[in-house]
Amino acid sequence: MDKLENMKRFVTVVQTGSFTRAADVLGLPKSSVSEAVKSLEQLIKTRLLQRSTRQIHLTHDGEIYLEKCLSILEQVDMLDTHFLHPSQLSGTLHIDMPSRFAANIILPNLHDWYDSYPNINIKLSCHDQRTDLIKDGIDCVIRAGQLEDSSLIARPLLMLSTINCVSTNYADEYGVPMSLDDLHHHVLIDYAQNLQTQTPVFEYVKEEVVHHLPMTSKLQVNSTDAYLFSCLSGLGLAQIPDLSARSYIESGELIEVLPDLKAPAIPISIIYPSRRQIPKRLSLFMDWLQAQTKKVRPD
């Protein structure tokens, strides 16, 4: 069997987490997928996967081999597409981003992408959590904050300002904070990516210095959707990105409070694996994404 084909099957097993799911994705018998991995292991004389009845794990050698396989398959793909006009490119891009970013920027404009690149499909997953791009087979993610993993590259997209918000029903019941001292009589909706134990704080910039004021919180969430809709439901004060909050403020569902005490702007970036060359499909998508953000942030 072709070695490249075996590599593709091995990568699919890792990305799906099982031989059965890999076989379903590839449209092959499970035995064919299993034989492909065994053939690679016999060829390089090392075990790539630790198998159990419930799950599989990469061995140390398997992790190294996976990285090399991805690089080789990527090079082959780039060679296959090198001489094609962008409109002739085909395939699928797996992109991951927060659901509010998808709703506000990507989905309303995705038809433009398909007009330009009709044969490049998008597999879109939406959450805020950290993910392993290599093992999960993700081409790039959109994330807020600073990049911590040196094996990845961050391409800046935009700086996202936030708005301090309460809902109208919250304001009717508890009033509106007019000063920092007033915040001691209000509750904060706490956003934490990993739902870790932390002191809920109201974050604000004053005289170019970032300050953190501890506040009472009865609710902690790890989703941008849950954060927004908790505020809309009157469960407390939230510091919401302006792209998400603006329409609700205009409709009267949310009220901006303490406009002179805003949190620092949040850097939003495209994050992708650190490789010497970027597949043409991915490069085109990142350029397109940059153009979409300029529509909402012309500066």
Foldseek 3Di string as FASTA:
>chain_A
DDLLVLLVLLLLCLQVFHLVVSCVVVVHDSVVSVVSQVVVCVVVVHHQWDDDPPTIDGDPVNVVVLVVSVVVVLVVLQVVCVPPDQQPDADEAEEEEAPLCCVLFNPVCVVVVCVRHVHYHYHYHHWAADDDCSSNVHFKYKYWDDDDDPQKDWAWQDWWWWFKKAFPVLCVVQNADADPVCQQSFEEEAEDQVPDDDFRWDWFADPNDIDTHGHHYDHYDNHLVCQVVCRLVRRGIYTHTCSNCVVCVVVRGMDTYPRRTTHGTITITMMGGDDPDRRPVVVVVVVVSSVRSCVVVVD
